[in-house]
Amino acid sequence: MQITEKLAYEIYIILLFHILAILILISFSVYIINKAKKSAVLYSYLALASTLLLWMISKILKTVSPNEHIRWLFIVTQYFGVQFLGFFLILFAYIYTHNKIPSKKTIALLLVFPVLSFLAVITNPLHMTFYSYYDFYRDRFGVLFIPIQSVLYIYIFVGVLMLSKDYTKQAGFHGRIVWARLFAAVTLIPMLANVYYILFKMDVFEWIFPFPVFDFTPIAGSIALILFTIPALRYKFFDISPVSYRQIFKNVPTGVIFASPKGLLFSPNKSFCCMFCNACYTKGLDDFLDSISIISDRQKAEKFFKTYTNKEFLLQINENRHYNVRQTLLEKNIRLLAFSDVSEIVMLEQLLNSKNNELKSINSELIKMAEKSSELSQTRIKSAVAQNIHDILGHSLTVAICTAEIALKDERESDAKQKLELIDTLLTQSLDDLKNSMQGDAKHLNQTSLTKAISSLKNPGIELELVSQGNMYELDTAQTEA
C-alpha cells in the first residue's frame, strides 16, 4: 500500500515520541538497577516499567507492521502490557507501602481480571466485542471495551491512591506539602491521558495537541513513573523507603517523633501516640509541653526540647511515668526524638534505694547491738572474775581459819606444824588462783572452787581420788561451802 506524506509524518511522530520515551525509561531503569539494593520494591518497580516498555515497543512494531496479521500480533502483545499494567501498579504500591510481598491468595485474586480481559483481547476475532472493527489503519471499540477499561481504571486508581497516600507523608516533604502533592499527582497522568484518548475516539473531545493523533498513554505513564521515582530515589526509596522506615518506627516500642528547626512536630509513630494520647497530634514543642503534666524540672525540659545542648533527658510526667528521651540531629537540623518508657526501671531503682536504706538502718542497729553485746560480754567476764575472786578468797580464808583453829587445839607440835604447812599450801594455791583469775589462764579453767576445796582435803592420813564428768561450772558460794 502506498504511504502518503501525511501518513509518513504521523508514523514518524509516533516512532519519535515512543523511541525517546523507551530510551529514557530504559536508561533510568538501568541507573536504578546499578544503584539500588536488590529488593522486592526494586523488582516490582522493574515489572511495572516492563509493562510500559512492552506497551510502547508493541505500539512501535504495530505501527511499522507490513501486514494486518503481524499488526494484530503486536496489538495482542500491546494489550498484554495494557491489561496487566494495573496489576503491576497495585503490586508495586503494596510493596512500597507495606514493605512486603502480598500473599499468594491476594496475588491470585488481583490476577483474575487482567487474565480474563487479556483473554477477551486475544479471542476478539471470534466474537468482535473488544474491537468491533479493525483493519490495517483503523479500529473501532466494541461493547466490551469500555467495561474492561473501566475496571482497568479502577486498578490504576487504587494503585495511585495507595502510592500517593503515604508518598506525601515522607519526612523529606515536611514543610513542602505542595511539592509532595504535585509529585504524587503525576501518578494520575497516564490515566488522564488514556481517558482523553478514549473520549476523543468516541467523538466526545477534539484533539488539542499539535502533533498527529495517537495513544500517548504509555509515554505519559513512563514520564509519570520517572517523576514519581526521582524524589523517592533521593530519600533512599530503593534501599528501604521512607514509608518502610515509618513502618519500622510504627512497630518498635520506642516512641518516635520528628522536630523541625522551628520546633514543629511531625510523623509520630504508633508508640508515641500510645504514650502521649493527648499530645500525639500537637503541632509544636510548646503545645506538646503544655499538654503533658511535667513533674520533673520544667525549665530543664524546655531547654532540652528547644535546643540541642543535651542528648538525653529523664522526663517525669506523673508520679508513675518516667521516659528517657534521646534526641539525634539529622540532616537539615531536623531532630529525631525517641521516648523510652523507663517507669519500671525507675520504680525498681527507687525500691532498691529504699531496701538499701533499710539495710543501712538494720546494719546500724546490728552494730549498736554488737556494741551492747560486747559490753554485756565484758560485764559478764568481769562478773565471773569477781565471782571467782570472791569464791577463792571466801573458801581459802574460811579453810585457813578453820585449820588454824584446829591447829591451836592440837597438843602435839608435829600435828599443829602439819596443819600450818597445810594452811601455807592452801593460801599459796589461793594466791595462784587469784592471779589466774585476773589473767585468765586457760590451763586452770577445768578447775572450780569446789574441786580445789575437795582436793585440799587430801593429806597423809586421807587418800583422795576425784572423778568428774561433763563440763565443770562454778557453783555459787553457798553451794560450794555446803
Protein backbone atom coordinates (compact mmCIF):
# COMPACT_ATOMS: atom_id res chain seq x y z
CA MET A 1 0.00 0.00 0.00
CA GLN A 2 1.31 3.44 -0.90
CA ILE A 3 2.24 5.65 2.11
CA THR A 4 1.19 9.25 1.80
CA GLU A 5 3.24 12.15 3.08
CA LYS A 6 0.71 12.76 5.86
CA LEU A 7 0.78 9.12 6.95
CA ALA A 8 4.56 9.10 6.87
CA TYR A 9 4.63 12.16 9.15
CA GLU A 10 2.20 10.53 11.56
CA ILE A 11 4.33 7.37 11.69
CA TYR A 12 7.43 9.49 12.18
CA ILE A 13 5.89 11.36 15.16
CA ILE A 14 4.67 8.12 16.74
CA LEU A 15 8.08 6.49 16.39
CA LEU A 16 9.95 9.58 17.59
CA PHE A 17 7.88 10.02 20.78
CA HIS A 18 7.89 6.34 21.65
CA ILE A 19 11.56 5.71 20.93
CA LEU A 20 12.59 8.71 23.06
CA ALA A 21 10.33 7.55 25.89
CA ILE A 22 11.72 4.00 25.63
CA LEU A 23 15.32 5.22 25.76
CA ILE A 24 14.65 7.47 28.74
CA LEU A 25 12.78 4.75 30.66
CA ILE A 26 15.44 2.12 29.93
CA SER A 27 18.27 4.49 30.91
CA PHE A 28 16.56 5.44 34.14
CA SER A 29 15.79 1.78 34.97
CA VAL A 30 19.41 0.74 34.31
CA TYR A 31 20.59 3.56 36.61
CA ILE A 32 18.24 2.34 39.36
CA ILE A 33 19.35 -1.29 38.91
CA ASN A 34 23.01 -0.27 39.35
CA LYS A 35 22.36 2.00 42.35
CA ALA A 36 19.54 0.34 44.23
CA LYS A 37 19.51 -2.56 46.62
CA LYS A 38 18.10 -5.74 45.13
CA SER A 39 14.77 -6.00 46.91
CA ALA A 40 11.09 -6.69 46.30
CA VAL A 41 10.48 -2.95 45.88
CA LEU A 42 13.02 -2.77 43.06
CA TYR A 43 11.71 -5.88 41.31
CA SER A 44 8.10 -4.69 41.48
CA TYR A 45 9.19 -1.35 40.01
CA LEU A 46 11.02 -3.12 37.17
CA ALA A 47 7.91 -5.26 36.49
CA LEU A 48 5.81 -2.11 36.22
CA ALA A 49 8.38 -0.44 33.97
CA SER A 50 8.50 -3.60 31.82
CA THR A 51 4.75 -3.46 31.14
CA LEU A 52 5.16 0.14 29.94
CA LEU A 53 8.12 -0.86 27.76
CA LEU A 54 6.16 -3.76 26.29
CA TRP A 55 3.26 -1.42 25.58
CA MET A 56 5.45 1.16 23.79
CA ILE A 57 7.60 -1.35 21.88
CA SER A 58 4.48 -3.19 20.72
CA LYS A 59 2.97 0.12 19.53
CA ILE A 60 6.10 0.85 17.50
CA LEU A 61 6.09 -2.63 15.96
CA LYS A 62 2.35 -2.42 15.34
CA THR A 63 2.83 0.91 13.56
CA VAL A 64 5.51 -0.44 11.19
CA SER A 65 3.93 -3.86 10.64
CA PRO A 66 3.90 -4.85 6.96
CA ASN A 67 0.52 -6.62 7.04
CA GLU A 68 -2.65 -6.98 9.07
CA HIS A 69 -1.76 -10.35 10.70
CA ILE A 70 1.55 -9.11 12.13
CA ARG A 71 -0.17 -5.91 13.19
CA TRP A 72 -2.74 -7.95 15.15
CA LEU A 73 0.06 -9.94 16.81
CA PHE A 74 1.60 -6.74 18.19
CA ILE A 75 -1.85 -5.45 19.20
CA VAL A 76 -2.12 -8.57 21.36
CA THR A 77 1.33 -8.03 22.94
CA GLN A 78 0.48 -4.35 23.43
CA TYR A 79 -2.69 -5.22 25.33
CA PHE A 80 -0.77 -7.68 27.47
CA GLY A 81 1.09 -4.64 28.81
CA VAL A 82 -2.13 -2.60 28.97
CA GLN A 83 -4.25 -5.17 30.80
CA PHE A 84 -1.54 -6.10 33.33
CA LEU A 85 -0.44 -2.51 33.96
CA GLY A 86 -2.99 -2.01 36.76
CA PHE A 87 -1.99 -5.30 38.42
CA PHE A 88 1.71 -4.44 38.49
CA LEU A 89 0.90 -0.89 39.67
CA ILE A 90 -1.07 -2.25 42.66
CA LEU A 91 1.67 -4.81 43.35
CA PHE A 92 4.31 -2.05 43.29
CA ALA A 93 2.16 0.22 45.51
CA TYR A 94 1.50 -2.59 48.02
CA ILE A 95 5.19 -3.45 48.39
CA TYR A 96 6.02 0.27 48.54
CA THR A 97 3.55 0.95 51.38
CA HIS A 98 3.87 -2.34 53.31
CA ASN A 99 7.50 -3.27 52.54
CA LYS A 100 6.46 -6.87 51.89
CA ILE A 101 5.04 -9.02 49.09
CA PRO A 102 1.26 -9.65 49.30
CA SER A 103 0.02 -13.18 49.96
CA LYS A 104 -0.39 -15.70 47.13
CA LYS A 105 -4.17 -15.57 47.59
CA THR A 106 -4.18 -11.77 47.15
CA ILE A 107 -2.00 -12.01 44.04
CA ALA A 108 -4.27 -14.68 42.56
CA LEU A 109 -7.37 -12.54 43.15
CA LEU A 110 -5.73 -9.48 41.61
CA LEU A 111 -4.77 -11.51 38.53
CA VAL A 112 -8.31 -12.69 37.78
CA PHE A 113 -9.44 -9.58 35.90
CA PRO A 114 -6.20 -8.97 33.91
CA VAL A 115 -6.20 -12.59 32.73
CA LEU A 116 -9.89 -12.53 31.72
CA SER A 117 -9.57 -9.16 29.97
CA PHE A 118 -6.49 -10.31 28.08
CA LEU A 119 -8.34 -13.46 27.00
CA ALA A 120 -11.10 -11.19 25.68
CA VAL A 121 -8.47 -9.39 23.55
CA ILE A 122 -6.76 -12.45 22.06
CA THR A 123 -10.11 -14.09 21.27
CA ASN A 124 -11.57 -10.91 19.73
CA PRO A 125 -11.54 -12.33 16.13
CA LEU A 126 -14.05 -14.92 17.37
CA HIS A 127 -16.56 -12.55 19.00
CA MET A 128 -15.58 -8.98 17.88
CA THR A 129 -16.73 -7.43 21.18
CA PHE A 130 -13.46 -5.81 22.28
CA TYR A 131 -12.82 -4.31 18.83
CA SER A 132 -15.97 -4.25 16.73
CA TYR A 133 -13.86 -3.38 13.69
CA TYR A 134 -10.20 -3.03 12.79
CA ASP A 135 -8.08 -3.07 9.66
CA PHE A 136 -4.52 -2.08 8.82
CA TYR A 137 -5.02 1.57 9.82
CA ARG A 138 -8.30 1.89 11.66
CA ASP A 139 -10.14 0.30 14.53
CA ARG A 140 -13.39 0.81 16.41
CA PHE A 141 -14.17 -0.13 20.02
CA GLY A 142 -16.66 -2.91 20.82
CA VAL A 143 -19.19 -3.36 23.62
CA LEU A 144 -16.64 -4.96 25.98
CA PHE A 145 -14.00 -2.28 25.54
CA ILE A 146 -15.48 0.35 27.91
CA PRO A 147 -16.35 -2.13 30.75
CA ILE A 148 -12.92 -3.75 30.57
CA GLN A 149 -11.09 -0.43 30.50
CA SER A 150 -13.29 0.86 33.33
CA VAL A 151 -12.12 -1.98 35.59
CA LEU A 152 -8.55 -1.28 34.47
CA TYR A 153 -9.05 2.35 35.56
CA ILE A 154 -10.22 1.11 38.95
CA TYR A 155 -6.99 -0.91 39.29
CA ILE A 156 -4.90 2.11 38.32
CA PHE A 157 -6.85 4.46 40.58
CA VAL A 158 -6.44 2.13 43.57
CA GLY A 159 -2.70 1.86 42.90
CA VAL A 160 -2.41 5.65 42.59
CA LEU A 161 -4.25 6.16 45.90
CA MET A 162 -2.00 3.65 47.65
CA LEU A 163 1.10 5.38 46.33
CA SER A 164 0.08 8.97 46.91
CA LYS A 165 -1.40 8.36 50.38
CA ASP A 166 1.94 7.53 52.01
CA TYR A 167 4.12 9.28 49.45
CA THR A 168 3.13 12.75 50.67
CA LYS A 169 3.83 11.77 54.29
CA GLN A 170 7.54 11.23 53.76
CA ALA A 171 9.78 13.12 56.20
CA GLY A 172 11.63 14.70 53.26
CA PHE A 173 8.45 16.52 52.18
CA HIS A 174 7.80 18.04 55.62
CA GLY A 175 7.06 21.74 55.20
CA ARG A 176 6.71 21.31 51.42
CA ILE A 177 3.31 19.69 51.15
CA VAL A 178 2.57 21.43 47.84
CA TRP A 179 5.57 19.77 46.23
CA ALA A 180 4.59 16.47 47.79
CA ARG A 181 1.10 16.65 46.32
CA LEU A 182 2.50 17.73 42.98
CA PHE A 183 4.80 14.74 42.75
CA ALA A 184 2.03 12.42 43.93
CA ALA A 185 -0.36 13.87 41.32
CA VAL A 186 1.92 12.82 38.44
CA THR A 187 0.77 9.24 39.03
CA LEU A 188 -2.58 10.33 37.56
CA ILE A 189 -1.04 11.42 34.24
CA PRO A 190 -1.28 8.08 32.37
CA MET A 191 -4.89 7.50 33.44
CA LEU A 192 -5.93 11.03 32.40
CA ALA A 193 -4.09 10.63 29.10
CA ASN A 194 -5.85 7.35 28.34
CA VAL A 195 -9.26 8.76 29.31
CA TYR A 196 -8.73 11.72 26.99
CA TYR A 197 -7.67 9.46 24.10
CA ILE A 198 -10.68 7.16 24.53
CA LEU A 199 -13.10 10.10 24.74
CA PHE A 200 -11.53 11.54 21.58
CA LYS A 201 -12.03 8.20 19.82
CA MET A 202 -15.67 8.35 20.89
CA ASP A 203 -16.01 11.90 19.43
CA VAL A 204 -16.55 13.47 22.87
CA PHE A 205 -13.47 15.74 22.73
CA GLU A 206 -11.46 17.25 19.91
CA TRP A 207 -7.74 16.66 19.52
CA ILE A 208 -5.98 19.64 21.13
CA PHE A 209 -2.33 18.67 20.73
CA PRO A 210 -0.09 19.99 17.92
CA PHE A 211 1.02 16.50 16.87
CA PRO A 212 -0.95 13.81 14.99
CA VAL A 213 -3.46 11.64 16.81
CA PHE A 214 -2.03 8.61 18.61
CA ASP A 215 -2.40 6.97 22.02
CA PHE A 216 0.34 8.62 24.08
CA THR A 217 -0.77 6.90 27.32
CA PRO A 218 2.36 4.71 27.72
CA ILE A 219 4.60 7.74 27.12
CA ALA A 220 2.71 9.67 29.80
CA GLY A 221 2.97 6.63 32.07
CA SER A 222 6.75 6.46 31.60
CA ILE A 223 7.14 10.16 32.39
CA ALA A 224 4.90 9.80 35.46
CA LEU A 225 6.84 6.79 36.73
CA ILE A 226 10.15 8.62 36.36
CA LEU A 227 8.85 11.81 38.00
CA PHE A 228 7.40 9.76 40.84
CA THR A 229 10.61 7.82 41.39
CA ILE A 230 13.18 10.65 41.30
CA PRO A 231 12.31 12.15 44.74
CA ALA A 232 11.74 8.67 46.17
CA LEU A 233 15.21 7.65 45.00
CA ARG A 234 16.65 10.73 46.72
CA TYR A 235 15.29 9.51 50.04
CA LYS A 236 16.75 6.00 49.59
CA PHE A 237 13.41 4.61 48.43
CA PHE A 238 15.03 1.65 46.69
CA ASP A 239 17.22 0.78 49.67
CA ILE A 240 14.48 0.94 52.25
CA SER A 241 11.81 3.50 51.52
CA PRO A 242 10.84 6.30 53.93
CA VAL A 243 7.46 4.65 54.15
CA SER A 244 9.22 1.45 55.19
CA TYR A 245 11.20 3.39 57.78
CA ARG A 246 7.87 4.58 59.13
CA GLN A 247 6.60 1.01 59.17
CA ILE A 248 9.61 0.08 61.29
CA PHE A 249 9.03 3.06 63.61
CA LYS A 250 5.38 2.07 63.88
CA ASN A 251 6.20 -1.35 65.32
CA VAL A 252 9.04 -0.54 67.71
CA PRO A 253 8.18 0.03 71.40
CA THR A 254 10.15 3.28 71.41
CA GLY A 255 8.05 6.40 70.80
CA VAL A 256 9.45 8.34 67.82
CA ILE A 257 8.63 11.81 66.52
CA PHE A 258 10.50 14.38 64.39
CA ALA A 259 11.03 18.07 65.18
CA SER A 260 11.83 20.74 62.60
CA PRO A 261 14.35 23.55 63.31
CA LYS A 262 11.36 25.80 64.13
CA GLY A 263 10.02 23.37 66.71
CA LEU A 264 7.26 21.83 64.59
CA LEU A 265 6.48 18.19 65.35
CA PHE A 266 5.63 15.69 62.61
CA SER A 267 5.47 11.96 61.74
CA PRO A 268 4.80 10.44 65.20
CA ASN A 269 4.77 6.66 65.34
CA LYS A 270 2.16 4.46 66.98
CA SER A 271 4.13 4.00 70.20
CA PHE A 272 4.46 7.77 70.67
CA CYS A 273 0.69 8.21 70.25
CA CYS A 274 0.07 5.47 72.82
CA MET A 275 2.45 7.13 75.29
CA PHE A 276 1.02 10.63 74.84
CA CYS A 277 -2.59 10.30 73.69
CA ASN A 278 -3.43 13.97 74.21
CA ALA A 279 -0.15 15.18 72.69
CA CYS A 280 0.04 12.90 69.66
CA TYR A 281 -1.32 15.45 67.20
CA THR A 282 0.17 18.62 68.70
CA LYS A 283 1.85 20.84 66.13
CA GLY A 284 4.73 22.27 68.13
CA LEU A 285 7.01 21.62 71.09
CA ASP A 286 5.23 24.29 73.17
CA ASP A 287 1.87 22.59 72.65
CA PHE A 288 3.44 19.24 73.47
CA LEU A 289 4.94 20.50 76.74
CA ASP A 290 1.64 22.17 77.71
CA SER A 291 -0.35 19.01 77.02
CA ILE A 292 1.66 16.82 79.42
CA SER A 293 1.94 17.22 83.20
CA ILE A 294 5.67 17.57 83.75
CA ILE A 295 6.76 16.80 87.31
CA SER A 296 10.49 16.99 86.57
CA ASP A 297 12.16 20.40 86.22
CA ARG A 298 10.04 22.26 83.62
CA GLN A 299 12.81 24.71 82.69
CA LYS A 300 15.30 21.91 82.07
CA ALA A 301 12.70 20.09 79.97
CA GLU A 302 12.04 23.20 77.83
CA LYS A 303 15.77 23.76 77.36
CA PHE A 304 16.26 20.15 76.32
CA PHE A 305 13.42 20.12 73.77
CA LYS A 306 14.14 23.55 72.29
CA THR A 307 17.93 23.31 72.00
CA TYR A 308 20.46 20.65 71.16
CA THR A 309 22.65 21.15 74.22
CA ASN A 310 21.88 17.78 75.80
CA LYS A 311 21.31 14.50 74.03
CA GLU A 312 19.42 12.71 76.84
CA PHE A 313 16.85 13.71 79.44
CA LEU A 314 14.72 11.90 82.03
CA LEU A 315 11.15 13.17 81.69
CA GLN A 316 8.67 12.54 84.50
CA ILE A 317 5.07 13.38 83.61
CA ASN A 318 3.29 11.99 86.69
CA GLU A 319 4.05 10.02 89.82
CA ASN A 320 4.42 6.71 87.98
CA ARG A 321 5.51 7.57 84.41
CA HIS A 322 9.13 8.22 83.52
CA TYR A 323 10.51 8.49 79.98
CA ASN A 324 14.11 8.57 78.90
CA VAL A 325 14.21 10.99 75.95
CA ARG A 326 17.07 10.86 73.42
CA GLN A 327 17.45 13.25 70.52
CA THR A 328 19.50 12.78 67.37
CA LEU A 329 20.31 15.55 64.94
CA LEU A 330 19.53 14.60 61.33
CA GLU A 331 20.21 16.43 58.11
CA LYS A 332 18.89 19.98 57.69
CA ASN A 333 18.77 20.33 61.50
CA ILE A 334 15.76 18.04 61.80
CA ARG A 335 15.79 16.25 65.16
CA LEU A 336 14.58 12.76 65.90
CA LEU A 337 13.13 12.44 69.41
CA ALA A 338 12.96 8.93 70.87
CA PHE A 339 10.94 8.25 74.05
CA SER A 340 11.66 5.06 76.02
CA ASP A 341 9.36 4.11 78.89
CA VAL A 342 11.68 3.50 81.86
CA SER A 343 8.98 3.67 84.54
CA GLU A 344 9.59 0.11 85.73
CA ILE A 345 13.35 0.66 85.83
CA VAL A 346 12.94 3.86 87.85
CA MET A 347 10.49 2.15 90.23
CA LEU A 348 12.90 -0.77 90.69
CA GLU A 349 15.74 1.68 91.30
CA GLN A 350 13.65 3.53 93.87
CA LEU A 351 12.72 0.21 95.51
CA LEU A 352 16.39 -0.81 95.53
CA ASN A 353 17.36 2.50 97.15
CA SER A 354 14.61 2.03 99.73
CA LYS A 355 15.84 -1.50 100.51
CA ASN A 356 19.43 -0.21 100.73
CA ASN A 357 18.32 2.44 103.22
CA GLU A 358 16.51 -0.25 105.23
CA LEU A 359 19.64 -2.42 105.16
CA LYS A 360 21.74 0.54 106.31
CA SER A 361 19.30 1.11 109.20
CA ILE A 362 19.32 -2.58 110.12
CA ASN A 363 23.11 -2.67 109.87
CA SER A 364 23.33 0.34 112.17
CA GLU A 365 21.06 -1.41 114.68
CA LEU A 366 23.19 -4.56 114.43
CA ILE A 367 26.33 -2.53 115.12
CA LYS A 368 24.66 -0.99 118.18
CA MET A 369 23.52 -4.46 119.31
CA ALA A 370 27.04 -5.81 118.78
CA GLU A 371 28.45 -2.98 120.87
CA LYS A 372 25.90 -3.71 123.60
CA SER A 373 26.65 -7.42 123.34
CA SER A 374 30.35 -6.68 123.68
CA GLU A 375 29.69 -4.52 126.72
CA LEU A 376 27.46 -7.24 128.18
CA SER A 377 30.13 -9.86 127.49
CA GLN A 378 32.75 -7.75 129.20
CA THR A 379 30.38 -7.22 132.12
CA ARG A 380 29.81 -10.97 132.34
CA ILE A 381 33.53 -11.59 132.25
CA LYS A 382 34.11 -9.02 134.96
CA SER A 383 31.27 -10.53 136.98
CA ALA A 384 32.75 -14.03 136.54
CA VAL A 385 36.18 -12.81 137.58
CA ALA A 386 34.72 -11.07 140.60
CA GLN A 387 32.79 -14.23 141.50
CA ASN A 388 35.93 -16.32 141.21
CA ILE A 389 37.89 -13.89 143.37
CA HIS A 390 35.08 -13.87 145.91
CA ASP A 391 34.86 -17.67 145.95
CA ILE A 392 38.61 -18.14 146.16
CA LEU A 393 39.04 -15.65 148.96
CA GLY A 394 35.97 -16.86 150.82
CA HIS A 395 36.95 -20.51 150.59
CA SER A 396 40.64 -20.04 151.26
CA LEU A 397 40.20 -17.79 154.23
CA THR A 398 37.42 -19.97 155.66
CA VAL A 399 39.51 -23.14 155.37
CA ALA A 400 42.62 -21.38 156.62
CA ILE A 401 40.82 -20.01 159.70
CA CYS A 402 39.21 -23.37 160.47
CA THR A 403 42.52 -25.16 160.05
CA ALA A 404 44.32 -22.59 162.24
CA GLU A 405 41.71 -23.05 164.98
CA ILE A 406 42.24 -26.81 164.86
CA ALA A 407 45.99 -26.32 164.95
CA LEU A 408 45.70 -24.19 168.09
CA LYS A 409 43.87 -27.02 169.82
CA ASP A 410 46.39 -29.70 168.78
CA GLU A 411 48.50 -30.78 171.71
CA ARG A 412 51.15 -32.31 169.57
CA GLU A 413 53.52 -29.87 167.97
CA SER A 414 54.03 -32.05 164.92
CA ASP A 415 50.27 -32.09 164.14
CA ALA A 416 49.98 -28.36 164.58
CA LYS A 417 53.00 -27.83 162.35
CA GLN A 418 51.45 -30.07 159.69
CA LYS A 419 48.25 -28.03 159.75
CA LEU A 420 50.20 -24.78 159.47
CA GLU A 421 52.01 -26.20 156.42
CA LEU A 422 48.57 -27.11 155.01
CA ILE A 423 47.41 -23.51 155.62
CA ASP A 424 50.53 -22.23 153.84
CA THR A 425 49.94 -24.53 150.88
CA LEU A 426 46.26 -23.54 150.72
CA LEU A 427 46.99 -19.82 150.84
CA THR A 428 49.79 -20.20 148.24
CA GLN A 429 47.44 -22.05 145.87
CA SER A 430 44.72 -19.49 146.51
CA LEU A 431 47.16 -16.72 145.63
CA ASP A 432 47.97 -18.53 142.35
CA ASP A 433 44.24 -18.94 141.67
CA LEU A 434 43.74 -15.21 142.22
CA LYS A 435 46.47 -14.48 139.65
CA ASN A 436 44.97 -16.92 137.17
CA SER A 437 41.51 -15.41 137.62
CA MET A 438 42.87 -11.94 137.00
CA GLN A 439 44.97 -13.01 133.96
CA GLY A 440 42.51 -15.61 132.55
CA ASP A 441 44.93 -18.54 132.46
CA ALA A 442 43.24 -21.23 130.33
CA LYS A 443 45.05 -24.20 131.87
CA HIS A 444 43.13 -23.83 135.11
CA LEU A 445 39.70 -23.45 133.54
CA ASN A 446 38.91 -27.11 134.21
CA GLN A 447 39.08 -26.44 137.98
CA THR A 448 36.43 -24.86 140.17
CA SER A 449 36.40 -23.73 143.78
CA LEU A 450 34.62 -26.95 144.73
CA THR A 451 37.16 -29.24 143.04
CA LYS A 452 40.01 -27.33 144.63
CA ALA A 453 38.32 -27.48 148.00
CA ILE A 454 37.84 -31.24 147.70
CA SER A 455 41.43 -31.67 146.52
CA SER A 456 42.67 -29.75 149.55
CA LEU A 457 41.23 -32.42 151.86
CA LYS A 458 43.93 -34.77 150.71
CA ASN A 459 46.62 -35.34 153.38
CA PRO A 460 48.86 -38.18 154.58
CA GLY A 461 46.01 -39.60 156.58
CA ILE A 462 43.37 -39.37 153.90
CA GLU A 463 43.66 -40.90 150.42
CA LEU A 464 41.52 -38.94 147.95
CA GLU A 465 40.57 -39.66 144.33
CA LEU A 466 38.26 -37.15 142.49
CA VAL A 467 36.48 -38.27 139.31
CA SER A 468 34.46 -35.68 137.27
CA GLN A 469 32.33 -35.99 134.14
CA GLY A 470 31.00 -33.37 131.72
CA ASN A 471 31.86 -29.70 131.67
CA MET A 472 32.62 -28.18 135.04
CA TYR A 473 30.94 -24.94 136.05
CA GLU A 474 31.30 -22.74 139.06
CA LEU A 475 28.80 -23.06 141.90
CA ASP A 476 27.79 -20.10 143.96
CA THR A 477 29.49 -19.53 147.36
CA ALA A 478 26.75 -21.04 149.48
CA GLN A 479 26.67 -24.26 147.43
CA THR A 480 30.46 -24.53 147.49
CA GLU A 481 30.55 -24.05 151.25
CA ALA A 482 27.84 -26.65 151.76
